């Protein structure tokens, strides 16, 4: 499986501040970004997989909502996560 508990803990440690801090906006955005990257690679090879395309669209929307929330609440945290993940060009 592409996303096991060790990889999740690593993401939460790096972006959430601790391995058990799974609910912070930064850790959720990092997790969504990892899943989006994986599904994007899948869609490049399987372009007719509509169920995966729908799931990918949902994940992008969830990540966008969390980024909007973070931008409203704390612009510095928003800028830090965007820079760390390389979401903006």
PDB file of N, CA and C in Angstrom:
ATOM      1  N   UNK A   1       0.843  -1.180   0.000  1.00  0.00           N
ATOM      2  CA  UNK A   1       0.000   0.000   0.000  1.00  0.00           C
ATOM      3  C   UNK A   1       0.893   1.249   0.000  1.00  0.00           C
ATOM      4  N   UNK A   2       0.458   2.246  -0.703  1.00  0.00           N
ATOM      5  CA  UNK A   2       1.288   3.431  -0.861  1.00  0.00           C
ATOM      6  C   UNK A   2       1.331   4.315   0.375  1.00  0.00           C
ATOM      7  N   UNK A   3       0.329   4.223   1.230  1.00  0.00           N
ATOM      8  CA  UNK A   3       0.276   5.089   2.410  1.00  0.00           C
ATOM      9  C   UNK A   3       0.050   4.220   3.643  1.00  0.00           C
ATOM     10  N   UNK A   4       1.136   3.847   4.303  1.00  0.00           N
ATOM     11  CA  UNK A   4       1.016   3.043   5.512  1.00  0.00           C
ATOM     12  C   UNK A   4       1.137   3.944   6.734  1.00  0.00           C
ATOM     13  N   UNK A   5       1.012   3.352   7.896  1.00  0.00           N
ATOM     14  CA  UNK A   5       1.015   4.141   9.129  1.00  0.00           C
ATOM     15  C   UNK A   5       2.366   4.814   9.375  1.00  0.00           C
ATOM     16  N   UNK A   6       3.450   4.198   8.929  1.00  0.00           N
ATOM     17  CA  UNK A   6       4.768   4.813   9.110  1.00  0.00           C
ATOM     18  C   UNK A   6       4.897   6.081   8.267  1.00  0.00           C
ATOM     19  N   UNK A   7       4.384   6.033   7.045  1.00  0.00           N
ATOM     20  CA  UNK A   7       4.449   7.209   6.178  1.00  0.00           C
ATOM     21  C   UNK A   7       3.561   8.328   6.725  1.00  0.00           C
ATOM     22  N   UNK A   8       2.385   7.970   7.238  1.00  0.00           N
ATOM     23  CA  UNK A   8       1.504   8.966   7.854  1.00  0.00           C
ATOM     24  C   UNK A   8       2.179   9.613   9.051  1.00  0.00           C
ATOM     25  N   UNK A   9       2.787   8.808   9.899  1.00  0.00           N
ATOM     26  CA  UNK A   9       3.473   9.344  11.076  1.00  0.00           C
ATOM     27  C   UNK A   9       4.603  10.272  10.671  1.00  0.00           C
ATOM     28  N   UNK A  10       5.303   9.917   9.600  1.00  0.00           N
ATOM     29  CA  UNK A  10       6.376  10.774   9.106  1.00  0.00           C
ATOM     30  C   UNK A  10       5.835  12.118   8.617  1.00  0.00           C
ATOM     31  N   UNK A  11       4.726  12.090   7.885  1.00  0.00           N
ATOM     32  CA  UNK A  11       4.102  13.338   7.416  1.00  0.00           C
ATOM     33  C   UNK A  11       3.628  14.188   8.581  1.00  0.00           C
ATOM     34  N   UNK A  12       2.985  13.549   9.559  1.00  0.00           N
ATOM     35  CA  UNK A  12       2.480  14.291  10.711  1.00  0.00           C
ATOM     36  C   UNK A  12       3.627  14.865  11.544  1.00  0.00           C
ATOM     37  N   UNK A  13       4.711  14.124  11.641  1.00  0.00           N
ATOM     38  CA  UNK A  13       5.887  14.608  12.380  1.00  0.00           C
ATOM     39  C   UNK A  13       6.500  15.827  11.689  1.00  0.00           C
ATOM     40  N   UNK A  14       6.590  15.751  10.372  1.00  0.00           N
ATOM     41  CA  UNK A  14       7.240  16.823   9.615  1.00  0.00           C
ATOM     42  C   UNK A  14       6.390  18.084   9.556  1.00  0.00           C
ATOM     43  N   UNK A  15       5.095  17.946   9.322  1.00  0.00           N
ATOM     44  CA  UNK A  15       4.252  19.112   9.095  1.00  0.00           C
ATOM     45  C   UNK A  15       3.330  19.449  10.260  1.00  0.00           C
ATOM     46  N   UNK A  16       2.995  18.473  11.088  1.00  0.00           N
ATOM     47  CA  UNK A  16       2.050  18.729  12.162  1.00  0.00           C
ATOM     48  C   UNK A  16       2.682  19.073  13.490  1.00  0.00           C
ATOM     49  N   UNK A  17       3.975  18.906  13.600  1.00  0.00           N
ATOM     50  CA  UNK A  17       4.653  19.227  14.837  1.00  0.00           C
ATOM     51  C   UNK A  17       4.863  18.024  15.732  1.00  0.00           C
ATOM     52  N   UNK A  18       4.227  16.920  15.428  1.00  0.00           N
ATOM     53  CA  UNK A  18       4.395  15.696  16.209  1.00  0.00           C
ATOM     54  C   UNK A  18       3.671  14.552  15.537  1.00  0.00           C
ATOM     55  N   UNK A  19       4.089  13.334  15.846  1.00  0.00           N
ATOM     56  CA  UNK A  19       3.499  12.167  15.186  1.00  0.00           C
ATOM     57  C   UNK A  19       2.045  11.956  15.587  1.00  0.00           C
ATOM     58  N   UNK A  20       1.657  12.483  16.751  1.00  0.00           N
ATOM     59  CA  UNK A  20       0.274  12.289  17.195  1.00  0.00           C
ATOM     60  C   UNK A  20      -0.619  13.479  16.878  1.00  0.00           C
ATOM     61  N   UNK A  21      -0.061  14.541  16.325  1.00  0.00           N
ATOM     62  CA  UNK A  21      -0.841  15.732  15.985  1.00  0.00           C
ATOM     63  C   UNK A  21      -1.431  15.551  14.590  1.00  0.00           C
ATOM     64  N   UNK A  22      -2.481  14.751  14.501  1.00  0.00           N
ATOM     65  CA  UNK A  22      -3.055  14.406  13.207  1.00  0.00           C
ATOM     66  C   UNK A  22      -4.152  15.361  12.773  1.00  0.00           C
ATOM     67  N   UNK A  23      -4.597  16.241  13.632  1.00  0.00           N
ATOM     68  CA  UNK A  23      -5.732  17.080  13.305  1.00  0.00           C
ATOM     69  C   UNK A  23      -5.385  18.487  12.885  1.00  0.00           C
ATOM     70  N   UNK A  24      -4.118  18.870  12.950  1.00  0.00           N
ATOM     71  CA  UNK A  24      -3.769  20.237  12.575  1.00  0.00           C
ATOM     72  C   UNK A  24      -3.974  20.429  11.074  1.00  0.00           C
ATOM     73  N   UNK A  25      -4.243  21.648  10.693  1.00  0.00           N
ATOM     74  CA  UNK A  25      -4.502  21.949   9.289  1.00  0.00           C
ATOM     75  C   UNK A  25      -3.284  21.624   8.426  1.00  0.00           C
ATOM     76  N   UNK A  26      -2.099  21.927   8.923  1.00  0.00           N
ATOM     77  CA  UNK A  26      -0.892  21.669   8.149  1.00  0.00           C
ATOM     78  C   UNK A  26      -0.694  20.174   7.882  1.00  0.00           C
ATOM     79  N   UNK A  27      -0.934  19.349   8.900  1.00  0.00           N
ATOM     80  CA  UNK A  27      -0.744  17.918   8.706  1.00  0.00           C
ATOM     81  C   UNK A  27      -1.782  17.350   7.756  1.00  0.00           C
ATOM     82  N   UNK A  28      -3.014  17.833   7.836  1.00  0.00           N
ATOM     83  CA  UNK A  28      -4.055  17.372   6.919  1.00  0.00           C
ATOM     84  C   UNK A  28      -3.759  17.805   5.491  1.00  0.00           C
ATOM     85  N   UNK A  29      -3.283  19.023   5.304  1.00  0.00           N
ATOM     86  CA  UNK A  29      -2.935  19.507   3.973  1.00  0.00           C
ATOM     87  C   UNK A  29      -1.795  18.678   3.396  1.00  0.00           C
ATOM     88  N   UNK A  30      -0.811  18.353   4.210  1.00  0.00           N
ATOM     89  CA  UNK A  30       0.313  17.529   3.752  1.00  0.00           C
ATOM     90  C   UNK A  30      -0.163  16.136   3.364  1.00  0.00           C
ATOM     91  N   UNK A  31      -1.049  15.560   4.151  1.00  0.00           N
ATOM     92  CA  UNK A  31      -1.587  14.236   3.848  1.00  0.00           C
ATOM     93  C   UNK A  31      -2.385  14.261   2.552  1.00  0.00           C
ATOM     94  N   UNK A  32      -3.245  15.268   2.390  1.00  0.00           N
ATOM     95  CA  UNK A  32      -4.017  15.397   1.156  1.00  0.00           C
ATOM     96  C   UNK A  32      -3.091  15.583  -0.040  1.00  0.00           C
ATOM     97  N   UNK A  33      -2.032  16.368   0.108  1.00  0.00           N
ATOM     98  CA  UNK A  33      -1.100  16.606  -0.994  1.00  0.00           C
ATOM     99  C   UNK A  33      -0.398  15.316  -1.407  1.00  0.00           C
ATOM    100  N   UNK A  34      -0.027  14.498  -0.429  1.00  0.00           N
ATOM    101  CA  UNK A  34       0.607  13.217  -0.733  1.00  0.00           C
ATOM    102  C   UNK A  34      -0.355  12.314  -1.499  1.00  0.00           C
ATOM    103  N   UNK A  35      -1.600  12.259  -1.039  1.00  0.00           N
ATOM    104  CA  UNK A  35      -2.601  11.428  -1.717  1.00  0.00           C
ATOM    105  C   UNK A  35      -2.927  11.961  -3.107  1.00  0.00           C
ATOM    106  N   UNK A  36      -2.987  13.291  -3.253  1.00  0.00           N
ATOM    107  CA  UNK A  36      -3.263  13.897  -4.558  1.00  0.00           C
ATOM    108  C   UNK A  36      -2.150  13.555  -5.544  1.00  0.00           C
ATOM    109  N   UNK A  37      -0.906  13.624  -5.097  1.00  0.00           N
ATOM    110  CA  UNK A  37       0.221  13.290  -5.974  1.00  0.00           C
ATOM    111  C   UNK A  37       0.143  11.836  -6.429  1.00  0.00           C
ATOM    112  N   UNK A  38      -0.212  10.946  -5.515  1.00  0.00           N
ATOM    113  CA  UNK A  38      -0.322   9.529  -5.867  1.00  0.00           C
ATOM    114  C   UNK A  38      -1.449   9.304  -6.870  1.00  0.00           C
ATOM    115  N   UNK A  39      -2.606   9.899  -6.622  1.00  0.00           N
ATOM    116  CA  UNK A  39      -3.741   9.716  -7.525  1.00  0.00           C
ATOM    117  C   UNK A  39      -3.495  10.379  -8.882  1.00  0.00           C
ATOM    118  N   UNK A  40      -2.748  11.458  -8.909  1.00  0.00           N
ATOM    119  CA  UNK A  40      -2.425  12.112 -10.175  1.00  0.00           C
ATOM    120  C   UNK A  40      -1.575  11.194 -11.041  1.00  0.00           C
ATOM    121  N   UNK A  41      -0.605  10.529 -10.430  1.00  0.00           N
ATOM    122  CA  UNK A  41       0.213   9.573 -11.181  1.00  0.00           C
ATOM    123  C   UNK A  41      -0.643   8.419 -11.700  1.00  0.00           C
ATOM    124  N   UNK A  42      -1.583   7.965 -10.888  1.00  0.00           N
ATOM    125  CA  UNK A  42      -2.489   6.898 -11.311  1.00  0.00           C
ATOM    126  C   UNK A  42      -3.335   7.351 -12.499  1.00  0.00           C
ATOM    127  N   UNK A  43      -3.809   8.601 -12.453  1.00  0.00           N
ATOM    128  CA  UNK A  43      -4.663   9.106 -13.526  1.00  0.00           C
ATOM    129  C   UNK A  43      -3.884   9.300 -14.832  1.00  0.00           C
ATOM    130  N   UNK A  44      -2.586   9.538 -14.749  1.00  0.00           N
ATOM    131  CA  UNK A  44      -1.782   9.656 -15.965  1.00  0.00           C
ATOM    132  C   UNK A  44      -1.738   8.337 -16.725  1.00  0.00           C
ATOM    133  N   UNK A  45      -1.767   7.235 -15.992  1.00  0.00           N
ATOM    134  CA  UNK A  45      -1.710   5.919 -16.619  1.00  0.00           C
ATOM    135  C   UNK A  45      -3.089   5.367 -16.940  1.00  0.00           C
ATOM    136  N   UNK A  46      -4.101   5.761 -16.168  1.00  0.00           N
ATOM    137  CA  UNK A  46      -5.463   5.229 -16.324  1.00  0.00           C
ATOM    138  C   UNK A  46      -6.449   6.383 -16.491  1.00  0.00           C
ATOM    139  N   UNK A  47      -6.461   6.983 -17.655  1.00  0.00           N
ATOM    140  CA  UNK A  47      -7.230   8.206 -17.827  1.00  0.00           C
ATOM    141  C   UNK A  47      -8.727   7.989 -17.871  1.00  0.00           C
ATOM    142  N   UNK A  48      -9.182   6.756 -18.033  1.00  0.00           N
ATOM    143  CA  UNK A  48     -10.618   6.489 -18.066  1.00  0.00           C
ATOM    144  C   UNK A  48     -11.172   6.030 -16.717  1.00  0.00           C
ATOM    145  N   UNK A  49     -10.374   6.108 -15.691  1.00  0.00           N
ATOM    146  CA  UNK A  49     -10.791   5.700 -14.348  1.00  0.00           C
ATOM    147  C   UNK A  49     -11.566   6.854 -13.705  1.00  0.00           C
ATOM    148  N   UNK A  50     -12.867   6.859 -13.913  1.00  0.00           N
ATOM    149  CA  UNK A  50     -13.688   7.998 -13.490  1.00  0.00           C
ATOM    150  C   UNK A  50     -13.899   8.049 -11.981  1.00  0.00           C
ATOM    151  N   UNK A  51     -13.927   6.911 -11.332  1.00  0.00           N
ATOM    152  CA  UNK A  51     -14.113   6.929  -9.878  1.00  0.00           C
ATOM    153  C   UNK A  51     -12.898   7.538  -9.182  1.00  0.00           C
ATOM    154  N   UNK A  52     -11.709   7.241  -9.670  1.00  0.00           N
ATOM    155  CA  UNK A  52     -10.510   7.844  -9.109  1.00  0.00           C
ATOM    156  C   UNK A  52     -10.467   9.333  -9.420  1.00  0.00           C
ATOM    157  N   UNK A  53     -10.924   9.704 -10.605  1.00  0.00           N
ATOM    158  CA  UNK A  53     -10.960  11.122 -10.964  1.00  0.00           C
ATOM    159  C   UNK A  53     -11.881  11.897 -10.030  1.00  0.00           C
ATOM    160  N   UNK A  54     -13.002  11.291  -9.681  1.00  0.00           N
ATOM    161  CA  UNK A  54     -13.939  11.935  -8.757  1.00  0.00           C
ATOM    162  C   UNK A  54     -13.325  12.054  -7.357  1.00  0.00           C
ATOM    163  N   UNK A  55     -12.655  11.010  -6.908  1.00  0.00           N
ATOM    164  CA  UNK A  55     -11.992  11.057  -5.601  1.00  0.00           C
ATOM    165  C   UNK A  55     -10.891  12.114  -5.583  1.00  0.00           C
ATOM    166  N   UNK A  56     -10.154  12.215  -6.682  1.00  0.00           N
ATOM    167  CA  UNK A  56      -9.096  13.211  -6.786  1.00  0.00           C
ATOM    168  C   UNK A  56      -9.669  14.621  -6.719  1.00  0.00           C
ATOM    169  N   UNK A  57     -10.774  14.855  -7.409  1.00  0.00           N
ATOM    170  CA  UNK A  57     -11.426  16.160  -7.378  1.00  0.00           C
ATOM    171  C   UNK A  57     -11.901  16.499  -5.963  1.00  0.00           C
ATOM    172  N   UNK A  58     -12.431  15.514  -5.259  1.00  0.00           N
ATOM    173  CA  UNK A  58     -12.858  15.734  -3.878  1.00  0.00           C
ATOM    174  C   UNK A  58     -11.704  16.088  -2.959  1.00  0.00           C
ATOM    175  N   UNK A  59     -10.577  15.395  -3.122  1.00  0.00           N
ATOM    176  CA  UNK A  59      -9.394  15.684  -2.299  1.00  0.00           C
ATOM    177  C   UNK A  59      -8.843  17.075  -2.567  1.00  0.00           C
ATOM    178  N   UNK A  60      -8.838  17.470  -3.835  1.00  0.00           N
ATOM    179  CA  UNK A  60      -8.356  18.812  -4.176  1.00  0.00           C
ATOM    180  C   UNK A  60      -9.256  19.865  -3.534  1.00  0.00           C
ATOM    181  N   UNK A  61     -10.570  19.620  -3.533  1.00  0.00           N
ATOM    182  CA  UNK A  61     -11.501  20.552  -2.904  1.00  0.00           C
ATOM    183  C   UNK A  61     -11.310  20.636  -1.400  1.00  0.00           C
ATOM    184  N   UNK A  62     -11.079  19.494  -0.763  1.00  0.00           N
ATOM    185  CA  UNK A  62     -10.835  19.489   0.682  1.00  0.00           C
ATOM    186  C   UNK A  62      -9.563  20.238   1.032  1.00  0.00           C
ATOM    187  N   UNK A  63      -8.512  20.008   0.239  1.00  0.00           N
ATOM    188  CA  UNK A  63      -7.255  20.705   0.488  1.00  0.00           C
ATOM    189  C   UNK A  63      -7.420  22.203   0.288  1.00  0.00           C
ATOM    190  N   UNK A  64      -8.152  22.604  -0.747  1.00  0.00           N
ATOM    191  CA  UNK A  64      -8.390  24.018  -1.014  1.00  0.00           C
ATOM    192  C   UNK A  64      -9.161  24.664   0.133  1.00  0.00           C
ATOM    193  N   UNK A  65     -10.153  23.953   0.673  1.00  0.00           N
ATOM    194  CA  UNK A  65     -10.927  24.486   1.800  1.00  0.00           C
ATOM    195  C   UNK A  65     -10.045  24.682   3.029  1.00  0.00           C
ATOM    196  N   UNK A  66      -9.172  23.706   3.307  1.00  0.00           N
ATOM    197  CA  UNK A  66      -8.261  23.844   4.442  1.00  0.00           C
ATOM    198  C   UNK A  66      -7.263  24.977   4.231  1.00  0.00           C
ATOM    199  N   UNK A  67      -6.791  25.133   3.003  1.00  0.00           N
ATOM    200  CA  UNK A  67      -5.874  26.237   2.720  1.00  0.00           C
ATOM    201  C   UNK A  67      -6.573  27.580   2.882  1.00  0.00           C
ATOM    202  N   UNK A  68      -7.824  27.675   2.445  1.00  0.00           N
ATOM    203  CA  UNK A  68      -8.579  28.920   2.626  1.00  0.00           C
ATOM    204  C   UNK A  68      -8.783  29.225   4.104  1.00  0.00           C
ATOM    205  N   UNK A  69      -9.104  28.196   4.886  1.00  0.00           N
ATOM    206  CA  UNK A  69      -9.266  28.356   6.330  1.00  0.00           C
ATOM    207  C   UNK A  69      -7.979  28.868   6.963  1.00  0.00           C
ATOM    208  N   UNK A  70      -6.876  28.239   6.606  1.00  0.00           N
ATOM    209  CA  UNK A  70      -5.591  28.616   7.177  1.00  0.00           C
ATOM    210  C   UNK A  70      -5.193  30.031   6.762  1.00  0.00           C
ATOM    211  N   UNK A  71      -5.530  30.403   5.540  1.00  0.00           N
ATOM    212  CA  UNK A  71      -5.211  31.750   5.047  1.00  0.00           C
ATOM    213  C   UNK A  71      -5.975  32.812   5.831  1.00  0.00           C
ATOM    214  N   UNK A  72      -7.217  32.517   6.179  1.00  0.00           N
ATOM    215  CA  UNK A  72      -8.026  33.458   6.959  1.00  0.00           C
ATOM    216  C   UNK A  72      -7.563  33.542   8.406  1.00  0.00           C
ATOM    217  N   UNK A  73      -7.185  32.406   8.978  1.00  0.00           N
ATOM    218  CA  UNK A  73      -6.837  32.356  10.396  1.00  0.00           C
ATOM    219  C   UNK A  73      -5.422  32.864  10.688  1.00  0.00           C
ATOM    220  N   UNK A  74      -4.449  32.397   9.901  1.00  0.00           N
ATOM    221  CA  UNK A  74      -3.046  32.738  10.170  1.00  0.00           C
ATOM    222  C   UNK A  74      -2.266  32.705   8.863  1.00  0.00           C
ATOM    223  N   UNK A  75      -2.036  33.873   8.302  1.00  0.00           N
ATOM    224  CA  UNK A  75      -1.403  33.986   6.989  1.00  0.00           C
ATOM    225  C   UNK A  75       0.030  33.464   6.999  1.00  0.00           C
ATOM    226  N   UNK A  76       0.714  33.558   8.120  1.00  0.00           N
ATOM    227  CA  UNK A  76       2.098  33.084   8.178  1.00  0.00           C
ATOM    228  C   UNK A  76       2.169  31.557   8.106  1.00  0.00           C
ATOM    229  N   UNK A  77       1.255  30.885   8.800  1.00  0.00           N
ATOM    230  CA  UNK A  77       1.202  29.421   8.713  1.00  0.00           C
ATOM    231  C   UNK A  77       0.832  28.984   7.297  1.00  0.00           C
ATOM    232  N   UNK A  78      -0.071  29.719   6.652  1.00  0.00           N
ATOM    233  CA  UNK A  78      -0.465  29.426   5.269  1.00  0.00           C
ATOM    234  C   UNK A  78       0.740  29.536   4.343  1.00  0.00           C
ATOM    235  N   UNK A  79       1.475  30.629   4.457  1.00  0.00           N
ATOM    236  CA  UNK A  79       2.639  30.831   3.596  1.00  0.00           C
ATOM    237  C   UNK A  79       3.706  29.773   3.834  1.00  0.00           C
ATOM    238  N   UNK A  80       3.862  29.364   5.092  1.00  0.00           N
ATOM    239  CA  UNK A  80       4.870  28.352   5.419  1.00  0.00           C
ATOM    240  C   UNK A  80       4.521  26.997   4.809  1.00  0.00           C
ATOM    241  N   UNK A  81       3.256  26.591   4.899  1.00  0.00           N
ATOM    242  CA  UNK A  81       2.868  25.283   4.367  1.00  0.00           C
ATOM    243  C   UNK A  81       2.897  25.285   2.842  1.00  0.00           C
ATOM    244  N   UNK A  82       2.509  26.385   2.227  1.00  0.00           N
ATOM    245  CA  UNK A  82       2.541  26.486   0.766  1.00  0.00           C
ATOM    246  C   UNK A  82       3.985  26.398   0.265  1.00  0.00           C
ATOM    247  N   UNK A  83       4.879  27.065   0.977  1.00  0.00           N
ATOM    248  CA  UNK A  83       6.295  27.021   0.589  1.00  0.00           C
ATOM    249  C   UNK A  83       6.886  25.632   0.818  1.00  0.00           C
ATOM    250  N   UNK A  84       6.546  25.022   1.942  1.00  0.00           N
ATOM    251  CA  UNK A  84       7.106  23.706   2.269  1.00  0.00           C
ATOM    252  C   UNK A  84       6.650  22.625   1.283  1.00  0.00           C
ATOM    253  N   UNK A  85       5.400  22.709   0.852  1.00  0.00           N
ATOM    254  CA  UNK A  85       4.870  21.704  -0.064  1.00  0.00           C
ATOM    255  C   UNK A  85       5.062  22.071  -1.532  1.00  0.00           C
ATOM    256  N   UNK A  86       5.409  23.330  -1.786  1.00  0.00           N
ATOM    257  CA  UNK A  86       5.613  23.754  -3.169  1.00  0.00           C
ATOM    258  C   UNK A  86       4.317  23.795  -3.958  1.00  0.00           C
ATOM    259  N   UNK A  87       3.246  24.298  -3.341  1.00  0.00           N
ATOM    260  CA  UNK A  87       1.944  24.295  -4.007  1.00  0.00           C
ATOM    261  C   UNK A  87       1.769  25.428  -5.007  1.00  0.00           C
ATOM    262  N   UNK A  88       2.455  26.523  -4.813  1.00  0.00           N
ATOM    263  CA  UNK A  88       2.336  27.652  -5.731  1.00  0.00           C
ATOM    264  C   UNK A  88       3.613  27.797  -6.536  1.00  0.00           C
ATOM    265  N   UNK A  89       3.467  28.212  -7.743  1.00  0.00           N
ATOM    266  CA  UNK A  89       4.639  28.369  -8.618  1.00  0.00           C
ATOM    267  C   UNK A  89       5.208  29.757  -8.486  1.00  0.00           C
TER     268      UNK A  89
END
